[in-house]
Amino acid sequence: MVGSTVHNAVHAHRRMRRGPGAGWVVATYAAIAIFLVWTLVPFVWMVLTSVKTNKEIYRDFTFLPKEVYWDHYEKLLTGRMGVWLRNSAFVSSVTTALSLVMGSIGAYAVTRLRFAGRRVVAQALVLTYLVPSSLLFIPLFQTVSSVGLSNTLGALLLVYPTFTLPYCTWMMMSYFKSIPVELEEAALIDGCSRLGVLWRVTLPLSLPAIAVVALFSFTQSWNEFLYALVFTNSQASRTVTVGLTQMLGDDVFFWGQMMAGAVMAALPSVVLYTAAQRLVIRGLTVGGIKG
């Protein structure tokens, strides 16, 4: 009886060491392949269309261009698209900087300081983030108009932190909880102020969370459409997401320029996520466990 139990335990241990069977491995790789095709084919199609001539797009259909045609990009960059890209880059960068600074200070205060209503503030951050933007654009438009920022990039700089800051603060809170308090107490004993502790100790140890917050703020600001459409109506103040809709004609779709504009609009997010993917994975993992 004992020998049979030991024999079964040994076989179970060997099966665990061998890992999943061949069927699971094949199914996993098949699922990954389907996901890659689903994700990459639209982007590849967009890139190929952006470097085709109009004749290859509309008449002589070809999957691959006979030669790379850069005129779509040149026309966009020398025209209004250059202004839209600069506006989006400026608004996204400033919004990211504001979210990092204000989110870090707010998260540190809620995580490390003791004051009445601290838990209520933390819960209010989540509730604020869950409010749909479609319910807020009317009161926000009234606010922007009352301070004289209508049809300016300043309106977007005032509005965009309303949806980036709550998430960024909550994410930084989750990561700050994983940092040992003893490190900060040692810095305080050595004469460091609270802001000094945040700058010299906490933030250097929170690079993964900072990467997640920065990428989230930048991509959300870069891709935002509703507020940019409502608060700006001139060519000089539009962002790239709203500007792309201006390429639609009455009965003609300029596919070459539209695809070139879409590639340029998607490229910053793709490059940033590719460059910082390790930090993003670490930040999301710790934030999800410690939240």
C-alpha atoms as a PDB file:
ATOM      1  CA  MET A   1       0.000   0.000   0.000  1.00  0.00           C
ATOM      2  CA  VAL A   2       2.792   2.381   0.981  1.00  0.00           C
ATOM      3  CA  GLY A   3       4.815   1.364  -2.064  1.00  0.00           C
ATOM      4  CA  SER A   4       1.885   2.085  -4.381  1.00  0.00           C
ATOM      5  CA  THR A   5       1.404   5.546  -2.844  1.00  0.00           C
ATOM      6  CA  VAL A   6       5.084   6.360  -3.245  1.00  0.00           C
ATOM      7  CA  HIS A   7       5.011   5.071  -6.829  1.00  0.00           C
ATOM      8  CA  ASN A   8       2.021   7.303  -7.691  1.00  0.00           C
ATOM      9  CA  ALA A   9       3.663  10.324  -6.056  1.00  0.00           C
ATOM     10  CA  VAL A  10       6.842   9.792  -8.080  1.00  0.00           C
ATOM     11  CA  HIS A  11       4.868   9.585 -11.337  1.00  0.00           C
ATOM     12  CA  ALA A  12       2.908  12.725 -10.456  1.00  0.00           C
ATOM     13  CA  HIS A  13       6.147  14.562  -9.717  1.00  0.00           C
ATOM     14  CA  ARG A  14       7.606  13.490 -13.061  1.00  0.00           C
ATOM     15  CA  ARG A  15       4.489  14.695 -14.904  1.00  0.00           C
ATOM     16  CA  MET A  16       4.757  18.059 -13.182  1.00  0.00           C
ATOM     17  CA  ARG A  17       8.411  18.350 -14.170  1.00  0.00           C
ATOM     18  CA  ARG A  18       7.631  17.535 -17.802  1.00  0.00           C
ATOM     19  CA  GLY A  19       5.202  20.463 -17.879  1.00  0.00           C
ATOM     20  CA  PRO A  20       2.141  20.725 -20.109  1.00  0.00           C
ATOM     21  CA  GLY A  21       1.562  18.252 -22.882  1.00  0.00           C
ATOM     22  CA  ALA A  22       2.272  18.769 -26.560  1.00  0.00           C
ATOM     23  CA  GLY A  23      -1.360  19.641 -27.240  1.00  0.00           C
ATOM     24  CA  TRP A  24      -1.277  22.606 -24.875  1.00  0.00           C
ATOM     25  CA  VAL A  25       1.973  23.848 -26.396  1.00  0.00           C
ATOM     26  CA  VAL A  26       0.538  23.678 -29.925  1.00  0.00           C
ATOM     27  CA  ALA A  27      -2.668  25.414 -28.821  1.00  0.00           C
ATOM     28  CA  THR A  28      -0.683  28.160 -27.081  1.00  0.00           C
ATOM     29  CA  TYR A  29       1.461  28.881 -30.122  1.00  0.00           C
ATOM     30  CA  ALA A  30      -1.597  28.754 -32.390  1.00  0.00           C
ATOM     31  CA  ALA A  31      -3.381  31.309 -30.194  1.00  0.00           C
ATOM     32  CA  ILE A  32      -0.290  33.562 -30.210  1.00  0.00           C
ATOM     33  CA  ALA A  33      -0.057  33.279 -34.007  1.00  0.00           C
ATOM     34  CA  ILE A  34      -3.725  34.235 -34.433  1.00  0.00           C
ATOM     35  CA  PHE A  35      -3.287  37.189 -32.090  1.00  0.00           C
ATOM     36  CA  LEU A  36      -0.197  38.384 -33.991  1.00  0.00           C
ATOM     37  CA  VAL A  37      -1.973  38.149 -37.332  1.00  0.00           C
ATOM     38  CA  TRP A  38      -5.016  39.943 -35.926  1.00  0.00           C
ATOM     39  CA  THR A  39      -2.796  42.725 -34.563  1.00  0.00           C
ATOM     40  CA  LEU A  40      -0.167  43.134 -37.259  1.00  0.00           C
ATOM     41  CA  VAL A  41      -2.104  42.690 -40.518  1.00  0.00           C
ATOM     42  CA  PRO A  42      -4.050  45.997 -40.245  1.00  0.00           C
ATOM     43  CA  PHE A  43      -0.869  47.898 -39.376  1.00  0.00           C
ATOM     44  CA  VAL A  44       1.122  46.265 -42.203  1.00  0.00           C
ATOM     45  CA  TRP A  45      -1.718  46.985 -44.648  1.00  0.00           C
ATOM     46  CA  MET A  46      -1.761  50.603 -43.498  1.00  0.00           C
ATOM     47  CA  VAL A  47       1.994  50.986 -44.016  1.00  0.00           C
ATOM     48  CA  LEU A  48       1.938  49.368 -47.465  1.00  0.00           C
ATOM     49  CA  THR A  49      -0.985  51.518 -48.609  1.00  0.00           C
ATOM     50  CA  SER A  50       0.789  54.677 -47.449  1.00  0.00           C
ATOM     51  CA  VAL A  51       3.736  54.044 -49.819  1.00  0.00           C
ATOM     52  CA  LYS A  52       1.681  53.148 -52.913  1.00  0.00           C
ATOM     53  CA  THR A  53       0.815  55.466 -55.746  1.00  0.00           C
ATOM     54  CA  ASN A  54      -2.806  56.471 -56.253  1.00  0.00           C
ATOM     55  CA  LYS A  55      -2.926  54.318 -59.380  1.00  0.00           C
ATOM     56  CA  GLU A  56      -1.857  51.248 -57.399  1.00  0.00           C
ATOM     57  CA  ILE A  57      -4.472  51.994 -54.745  1.00  0.00           C
ATOM     58  CA  TYR A  58      -7.485  52.748 -56.942  1.00  0.00           C
ATOM     59  CA  ARG A  59      -6.903  51.047 -60.302  1.00  0.00           C
ATOM     60  CA  ASP A  60      -4.025  48.561 -60.586  1.00  0.00           C
ATOM     61  CA  PHE A  61      -4.468  46.918 -57.201  1.00  0.00           C
ATOM     62  CA  THR A  62      -1.250  45.368 -55.858  1.00  0.00           C
ATOM     63  CA  PHE A  63      -0.539  44.006 -52.401  1.00  0.00           C
ATOM     64  CA  LEU A  64       3.081  45.179 -52.472  1.00  0.00           C
ATOM     65  CA  PRO A  65       3.997  48.512 -54.076  1.00  0.00           C
ATOM     66  CA  LYS A  66       6.123  48.310 -57.207  1.00  0.00           C
ATOM     67  CA  GLU A  67       8.308  51.043 -55.751  1.00  0.00           C
ATOM     68  CA  VAL A  68       8.194  53.021 -52.512  1.00  0.00           C
ATOM     69  CA  TYR A  69       6.197  56.223 -53.020  1.00  0.00           C
ATOM     70  CA  TRP A  70       6.900  58.877 -50.385  1.00  0.00           C
ATOM     71  CA  ASP A  71       4.818  61.729 -51.808  1.00  0.00           C
ATOM     72  CA  HIS A  72       1.916  61.102 -49.406  1.00  0.00           C
ATOM     73  CA  TYR A  73       4.202  61.683 -46.429  1.00  0.00           C
ATOM     74  CA  GLU A  74       5.855  64.695 -48.034  1.00  0.00           C
ATOM     75  CA  LYS A  75       2.537  66.391 -48.787  1.00  0.00           C
ATOM     76  CA  LEU A  76       1.300  65.848 -45.248  1.00  0.00           C
ATOM     77  CA  LEU A  77       4.452  66.995 -43.465  1.00  0.00           C
ATOM     78  CA  THR A  78       4.782  70.149 -45.560  1.00  0.00           C
ATOM     79  CA  GLY A  79       1.116  70.929 -45.052  1.00  0.00           C
ATOM     80  CA  ARG A  80      -1.252  70.960 -42.100  1.00  0.00           C
ATOM     81  CA  MET A  81      -0.149  67.577 -40.736  1.00  0.00           C
ATOM     82  CA  GLY A  82       3.098  69.049 -39.439  1.00  0.00           C
ATOM     83  CA  VAL A  83       1.171  71.566 -37.337  1.00  0.00           C
ATOM     84  CA  TRP A  84      -1.150  68.880 -35.988  1.00  0.00           C
ATOM     85  CA  LEU A  85       1.761  66.641 -35.034  1.00  0.00           C
ATOM     86  CA  ARG A  86       3.502  69.473 -33.202  1.00  0.00           C
ATOM     87  CA  ASN A  87       0.300  70.322 -31.330  1.00  0.00           C
ATOM     88  CA  SER A  88      -0.212  66.708 -30.271  1.00  0.00           C
ATOM     89  CA  ALA A  89       3.420  66.336 -29.214  1.00  0.00           C
ATOM     90  CA  PHE A  90       3.286  69.545 -27.157  1.00  0.00           C
ATOM     91  CA  VAL A  91      -0.016  68.774 -25.434  1.00  0.00           C
ATOM     92  CA  SER A  92       0.914  65.139 -24.744  1.00  0.00           C
ATOM     93  CA  SER A  93       4.361  66.016 -23.362  1.00  0.00           C
ATOM     94  CA  VAL A  94       3.090  68.757 -21.045  1.00  0.00           C
ATOM     95  CA  THR A  95       0.186  66.592 -19.863  1.00  0.00           C
ATOM     96  CA  THR A  96       2.599  63.746 -19.136  1.00  0.00           C
ATOM     97  CA  ALA A  97       4.898  66.027 -17.152  1.00  0.00           C
ATOM     98  CA  LEU A  98       1.987  67.431 -15.129  1.00  0.00           C
ATOM     99  CA  SER A  99       0.629  63.935 -14.442  1.00  0.00           C
ATOM    100  CA  LEU A 100       4.038  62.693 -13.282  1.00  0.00           C
ATOM    101  CA  VAL A 101       4.713  65.625 -10.959  1.00  0.00           C
ATOM    102  CA  MET A 102       1.244  66.011  -9.470  1.00  0.00           C
ATOM    103  CA  GLY A 103       0.542  62.263  -9.416  1.00  0.00           C
ATOM    104  CA  SER A 104       3.795  61.503  -7.591  1.00  0.00           C
ATOM    105  CA  ILE A 105       3.226  64.175  -4.956  1.00  0.00           C
ATOM    106  CA  GLY A 106      -0.408  63.157  -4.440  1.00  0.00           C
ATOM    107  CA  ALA A 107       0.382  59.449  -4.295  1.00  0.00           C
ATOM    108  CA  TYR A 108       3.179  59.994  -1.782  1.00  0.00           C
ATOM    109  CA  ALA A 109       0.923  62.121   0.420  1.00  0.00           C
ATOM    110  CA  VAL A 110      -1.886  59.545   0.438  1.00  0.00           C
ATOM    111  CA  THR A 111       0.496  56.601   0.922  1.00  0.00           C
ATOM    112  CA  ARG A 112       2.909  57.920   3.547  1.00  0.00           C
ATOM    113  CA  LEU A 113       1.207  60.766   5.405  1.00  0.00           C
ATOM    114  CA  ARG A 114      -1.508  60.313   8.010  1.00  0.00           C
ATOM    115  CA  PHE A 115      -4.453  62.708   7.773  1.00  0.00           C
ATOM    116  CA  ALA A 116      -8.225  62.597   8.138  1.00  0.00           C
ATOM    117  CA  GLY A 117     -10.049  61.376   5.041  1.00  0.00           C
ATOM    118  CA  ARG A 118      -7.024  59.679   3.482  1.00  0.00           C
ATOM    119  CA  ARG A 119      -8.971  56.556   2.551  1.00  0.00           C
ATOM    120  CA  VAL A 120     -11.815  58.637   1.108  1.00  0.00           C
ATOM    121  CA  VAL A 121      -9.348  60.504  -1.100  1.00  0.00           C
ATOM    122  CA  ALA A 122      -7.905  57.234  -2.380  1.00  0.00           C
ATOM    123  CA  GLN A 123     -11.338  55.864  -3.225  1.00  0.00           C
ATOM    124  CA  ALA A 124     -12.390  59.136  -4.842  1.00  0.00           C
ATOM    125  CA  LEU A 125      -9.450  58.834  -7.243  1.00  0.00           C
ATOM    126  CA  VAL A 126     -10.815  55.560  -8.588  1.00  0.00           C
ATOM    127  CA  LEU A 127     -14.361  56.887  -8.855  1.00  0.00           C
ATOM    128  CA  THR A 128     -13.136  59.977 -10.702  1.00  0.00           C
ATOM    129  CA  TYR A 129     -11.301  57.841 -13.245  1.00  0.00           C
ATOM    130  CA  LEU A 130     -14.412  55.736 -13.884  1.00  0.00           C
ATOM    131  CA  VAL A 131     -16.574  58.697 -14.941  1.00  0.00           C
ATOM    132  CA  PRO A 132     -17.007  58.580 -18.761  1.00  0.00           C
ATOM    133  CA  SER A 133     -15.538  61.492 -20.669  1.00  0.00           C
ATOM    134  CA  SER A 134     -18.773  61.834 -22.670  1.00  0.00           C
ATOM    135  CA  LEU A 135     -20.513  63.019 -19.483  1.00  0.00           C
ATOM    136  CA  LEU A 136     -17.894  65.642 -18.669  1.00  0.00           C
ATOM    137  CA  PHE A 137     -17.213  67.503 -21.887  1.00  0.00           C
ATOM    138  CA  ILE A 138     -20.169  69.895 -21.503  1.00  0.00           C
ATOM    139  CA  PRO A 139     -19.288  71.163 -17.981  1.00  0.00           C
ATOM    140  CA  LEU A 140     -15.609  71.188 -18.943  1.00  0.00           C
ATOM    141  CA  PHE A 141     -16.413  73.221 -22.042  1.00  0.00           C
ATOM    142  CA  GLN A 142     -18.247  75.750 -19.867  1.00  0.00           C
ATOM    143  CA  THR A 143     -15.240  75.933 -17.567  1.00  0.00           C
ATOM    144  CA  VAL A 144     -12.809  76.384 -20.449  1.00  0.00           C
ATOM    145  CA  SER A 145     -14.994  79.108 -21.977  1.00  0.00           C
ATOM    146  CA  SER A 146     -15.289  80.959 -18.672  1.00  0.00           C
ATOM    147  CA  VAL A 147     -11.506  81.272 -18.359  1.00  0.00           C
ATOM    148  CA  GLY A 148     -11.070  82.355 -21.996  1.00  0.00           C
ATOM    149  CA  LEU A 149      -9.223  79.293 -23.277  1.00  0.00           C
ATOM    150  CA  SER A 150     -11.647  78.212 -25.998  1.00  0.00           C
ATOM    151  CA  ASN A 151     -10.007  77.111 -29.255  1.00  0.00           C
ATOM    152  CA  THR A 152      -6.512  77.041 -27.729  1.00  0.00           C
ATOM    153  CA  LEU A 153      -4.071  74.341 -26.741  1.00  0.00           C
ATOM    154  CA  GLY A 154      -4.350  75.681 -23.190  1.00  0.00           C
ATOM    155  CA  ALA A 155      -7.867  74.246 -23.058  1.00  0.00           C
ATOM    156  CA  LEU A 156      -6.509  70.760 -23.700  1.00  0.00           C
ATOM    157  CA  LEU A 157      -3.729  71.251 -21.143  1.00  0.00           C
ATOM    158  CA  LEU A 158      -6.390  72.167 -18.591  1.00  0.00           C
ATOM    159  CA  VAL A 159      -8.727  69.288 -19.455  1.00  0.00           C
ATOM    160  CA  TYR A 160      -6.471  66.310 -20.206  1.00  0.00           C
ATOM    161  CA  PRO A 161      -5.166  65.898 -16.622  1.00  0.00           C
ATOM    162  CA  THR A 162      -8.763  65.243 -15.534  1.00  0.00           C
ATOM    163  CA  PHE A 163      -8.507  61.723 -16.985  1.00  0.00           C
ATOM    164  CA  THR A 164      -4.745  61.081 -16.761  1.00  0.00           C
ATOM    165  CA  LEU A 165      -4.071  62.303 -13.208  1.00  0.00           C
ATOM    166  CA  PRO A 166      -6.452  59.970 -11.283  1.00  0.00           C
ATOM    167  CA  TYR A 167      -5.006  56.833 -12.899  1.00  0.00           C
ATOM    168  CA  CYS A 168      -1.439  58.063 -12.549  1.00  0.00           C
ATOM    169  CA  THR A 169      -1.910  58.857  -8.864  1.00  0.00           C
ATOM    170  CA  TRP A 170      -3.513  55.479  -8.185  1.00  0.00           C
ATOM    171  CA  MET A 171      -0.743  53.663 -10.058  1.00  0.00           C
ATOM    172  CA  MET A 172       1.986  55.494  -8.152  1.00  0.00           C
ATOM    173  CA  MET A 173       0.214  54.754  -4.879  1.00  0.00           C
ATOM    174  CA  SER A 174       0.225  51.050  -5.653  1.00  0.00           C
ATOM    175  CA  TYR A 175       3.946  51.108  -6.386  1.00  0.00           C
ATOM    176  CA  PHE A 176       4.922  53.308  -3.437  1.00  0.00           C
ATOM    177  CA  LYS A 177       3.363  50.707  -1.130  1.00  0.00           C
ATOM    178  CA  SER A 178       5.942  48.169  -2.347  1.00  0.00           C
ATOM    179  CA  ILE A 179       8.879  50.365  -1.260  1.00  0.00           C
ATOM    180  CA  PRO A 180      10.101  49.704   2.307  1.00  0.00           C
ATOM    181  CA  VAL A 181       9.239  52.567   4.648  1.00  0.00           C
ATOM    182  CA  GLU A 182      12.546  52.014   6.480  1.00  0.00           C
ATOM    183  CA  LEU A 183      14.481  53.513   3.548  1.00  0.00           C
ATOM    184  CA  GLU A 184      12.513  56.735   3.776  1.00  0.00           C
ATOM    185  CA  GLU A 185      12.760  56.840   7.576  1.00  0.00           C
ATOM    186  CA  ALA A 186      16.544  56.530   7.321  1.00  0.00           C
ATOM    187  CA  ALA A 187      16.631  59.470   4.907  1.00  0.00           C
ATOM    188  CA  LEU A 188      14.447  61.536   7.246  1.00  0.00           C
ATOM    189  CA  ILE A 189      16.797  60.785  10.151  1.00  0.00           C
ATOM    190  CA  ASP A 190      19.727  61.987   8.017  1.00  0.00           C
ATOM    191  CA  GLY A 191      17.968  65.361   7.639  1.00  0.00           C
ATOM    192  CA  CYS A 192      16.131  64.911   4.351  1.00  0.00           C
ATOM    193  CA  SER A 193      12.779  66.672   3.948  1.00  0.00           C
ATOM    194  CA  ARG A 194       9.647  64.909   2.723  1.00  0.00           C
ATOM    195  CA  LEU A 195      10.095  66.261  -0.785  1.00  0.00           C
ATOM    196  CA  GLY A 196      13.757  65.318  -0.622  1.00  0.00           C
ATOM    197  CA  VAL A 197      12.824  61.757   0.313  1.00  0.00           C
ATOM    198  CA  LEU A 198      10.390  61.617  -2.592  1.00  0.00           C
ATOM    199  CA  TRP A 199      12.994  62.944  -5.044  1.00  0.00           C
ATOM    200  CA  ARG A 200      16.096  61.100  -3.803  1.00  0.00           C
ATOM    201  CA  VAL A 201      14.693  57.799  -2.520  1.00  0.00           C
ATOM    202  CA  THR A 202      11.161  56.988  -3.637  1.00  0.00           C
ATOM    203  CA  LEU A 203      11.166  58.099  -7.264  1.00  0.00           C
ATOM    204  CA  PRO A 204      14.497  56.450  -8.214  1.00  0.00           C
ATOM    205  CA  LEU A 205      13.092  53.157  -6.914  1.00  0.00           C
ATOM    206  CA  SER A 206       9.847  53.655  -8.860  1.00  0.00           C
ATOM    207  CA  LEU A 207      11.146  53.778 -12.437  1.00  0.00           C
ATOM    208  CA  PRO A 208       8.836  50.957 -13.667  1.00  0.00           C
ATOM    209  CA  ALA A 209       5.780  52.772 -12.317  1.00  0.00           C
ATOM    210  CA  ILE A 210       7.003  56.065 -13.761  1.00  0.00           C
ATOM    211  CA  ALA A 211       7.374  54.389 -17.162  1.00  0.00           C
ATOM    212  CA  VAL A 212       3.800  53.067 -16.998  1.00  0.00           C
ATOM    213  CA  VAL A 213       2.415  56.427 -15.890  1.00  0.00           C
ATOM    214  CA  ALA A 214       4.360  58.340 -18.549  1.00  0.00           C
ATOM    215  CA  LEU A 215       3.306  55.992 -21.351  1.00  0.00           C
ATOM    216  CA  PHE A 216      -0.312  55.976 -20.233  1.00  0.00           C
ATOM    217  CA  SER A 217      -0.489  59.759 -19.998  1.00  0.00           C
ATOM    218  CA  PHE A 218       1.267  60.303 -23.304  1.00  0.00           C
ATOM    219  CA  THR A 219      -0.739  57.778 -25.312  1.00  0.00           C
ATOM    220  CA  GLN A 220      -4.066  58.799 -23.779  1.00  0.00           C
ATOM    221  CA  SER A 221      -3.366  62.455 -24.545  1.00  0.00           C
ATOM    222  CA  TRP A 222      -2.021  61.661 -28.005  1.00  0.00           C
ATOM    223  CA  ASN A 223      -4.992  59.500 -28.995  1.00  0.00           C
ATOM    224  CA  GLU A 224      -7.753  61.561 -27.359  1.00  0.00           C
ATOM    225  CA  PHE A 225     -10.401  62.709 -29.826  1.00  0.00           C
ATOM    226  CA  LEU A 226     -13.603  63.954 -28.151  1.00  0.00           C
ATOM    227  CA  TYR A 227     -12.182  66.823 -26.101  1.00  0.00           C
ATOM    228  CA  ALA A 228      -9.868  67.895 -28.921  1.00  0.00           C
ATOM    229  CA  LEU A 229     -12.832  67.990 -31.303  1.00  0.00           C
ATOM    230  CA  VAL A 230     -15.056  69.999 -28.926  1.00  0.00           C
ATOM    231  CA  PHE A 231     -12.502  72.476 -27.537  1.00  0.00           C
ATOM    232  CA  THR A 232     -10.560  73.305 -30.733  1.00  0.00           C
ATOM    233  CA  ASN A 233     -11.976  74.300 -34.107  1.00  0.00           C
ATOM    234  CA  SER A 234      -9.164  76.054 -35.984  1.00  0.00           C
ATOM    235  CA  GLN A 235      -6.441  74.459 -38.109  1.00  0.00           C
ATOM    236  CA  ALA A 236      -3.719  76.004 -35.938  1.00  0.00           C
ATOM    237  CA  SER A 237      -5.004  74.449 -32.691  1.00  0.00           C
ATOM    238  CA  ARG A 238      -6.120  71.003 -33.844  1.00  0.00           C
ATOM    239  CA  THR A 239      -4.362  67.825 -32.839  1.00  0.00           C
ATOM    240  CA  VAL A 240      -3.503  64.937 -35.115  1.00  0.00           C
ATOM    241  CA  THR A 241      -6.520  62.803 -34.179  1.00  0.00           C
ATOM    242  CA  VAL A 242      -8.951  65.522 -35.178  1.00  0.00           C
ATOM    243  CA  GLY A 243      -6.832  66.517 -38.163  1.00  0.00           C
ATOM    244  CA  LEU A 244      -7.039  63.041 -39.674  1.00  0.00           C
ATOM    245  CA  THR A 245     -10.799  63.431 -40.021  1.00  0.00           C
ATOM    246  CA  GLN A 246     -10.209  66.476 -42.244  1.00  0.00           C
ATOM    247  CA  MET A 247      -8.801  64.218 -44.961  1.00  0.00           C
ATOM    248  CA  LEU A 248     -12.235  62.852 -45.775  1.00  0.00           C
ATOM    249  CA  GLY A 249     -13.710  64.325 -48.922  1.00  0.00           C
ATOM    250  CA  ASP A 250     -17.375  64.524 -49.845  1.00  0.00           C
ATOM    251  CA  ASP A 251     -17.341  61.444 -52.047  1.00  0.00           C
ATOM    252  CA  VAL A 252     -13.617  60.607 -52.337  1.00  0.00           C
ATOM    253  CA  PHE A 253     -11.389  58.985 -49.753  1.00  0.00           C
ATOM    254  CA  PHE A 254      -7.731  59.931 -50.086  1.00  0.00           C
ATOM    255  CA  TRP A 255      -6.506  56.566 -48.893  1.00  0.00           C
ATOM    256  CA  GLY A 256      -2.823  57.189 -49.518  1.00  0.00           C
ATOM    257  CA  GLN A 257      -2.676  60.326 -47.400  1.00  0.00           C
ATOM    258  CA  MET A 258      -5.059  58.909 -44.802  1.00  0.00           C
ATOM    259  CA  MET A 259      -2.894  55.832 -44.313  1.00  0.00           C
ATOM    260  CA  ALA A 260       0.287  57.909 -44.207  1.00  0.00           C
ATOM    261  CA  GLY A 261      -1.281  60.166 -41.575  1.00  0.00           C
ATOM    262  CA  ALA A 262      -2.444  57.146 -39.576  1.00  0.00           C
ATOM    263  CA  VAL A 263       1.071  55.669 -39.650  1.00  0.00           C
ATOM    264  CA  MET A 264       2.602  58.909 -38.380  1.00  0.00           C
ATOM    265  CA  ALA A 265      -0.072  59.173 -35.694  1.00  0.00           C
ATOM    266  CA  ALA A 266       0.481  55.588 -34.491  1.00  0.00           C
ATOM    267  CA  LEU A 267       4.280  55.579 -34.678  1.00  0.00           C
ATOM    268  CA  PRO A 268       5.095  57.484 -31.423  1.00  0.00           C
ATOM    269  CA  SER A 269       3.033  55.119 -29.265  1.00  0.00           C
ATOM    270  CA  VAL A 270       4.489  52.040 -30.949  1.00  0.00           C
ATOM    271  CA  VAL A 271       8.060  53.274 -30.531  1.00  0.00           C
ATOM    272  CA  LEU A 272       7.568  54.267 -26.881  1.00  0.00           C
ATOM    273  CA  TYR A 273       5.943  50.981 -25.861  1.00  0.00           C
ATOM    274  CA  THR A 274       8.579  48.963 -27.722  1.00  0.00           C
ATOM    275  CA  ALA A 275      11.442  50.862 -26.085  1.00  0.00           C
ATOM    276  CA  ALA A 276      10.036  50.670 -22.552  1.00  0.00           C
ATOM    277  CA  GLN A 277       8.205  47.345 -22.599  1.00  0.00           C
ATOM    278  CA  ARG A 278      10.305  45.762 -19.818  1.00  0.00           C
ATOM    279  CA  LEU A 279       9.655  48.647 -17.431  1.00  0.00           C
ATOM    280  CA  VAL A 280       5.972  48.658 -18.369  1.00  0.00           C
ATOM    281  CA  ILE A 281       5.589  44.943 -17.591  1.00  0.00           C
ATOM    282  CA  ARG A 282       7.348  45.342 -14.243  1.00  0.00           C
ATOM    283  CA  GLY A 283       5.307  48.410 -13.330  1.00  0.00           C
ATOM    284  CA  LEU A 284       1.965  46.845 -14.248  1.00  0.00           C
ATOM    285  CA  THR A 285       2.809  43.610 -12.420  1.00  0.00           C
ATOM    286  CA  VAL A 286       3.798  45.279  -9.141  1.00  0.00           C
ATOM    287  CA  GLY A 287       0.943  47.787  -9.395  1.00  0.00           C
ATOM    288  CA  GLY A 288      -1.576  45.000  -9.904  1.00  0.00           C
ATOM    289  CA  ILE A 289      -0.274  42.940  -6.974  1.00  0.00           C
ATOM    290  CA  LYS A 290       0.163  45.743  -4.461  1.00  0.00           C
ATOM    291  CA  GLY A 291      -2.929  47.800  -5.392  1.00  0.00           C
END
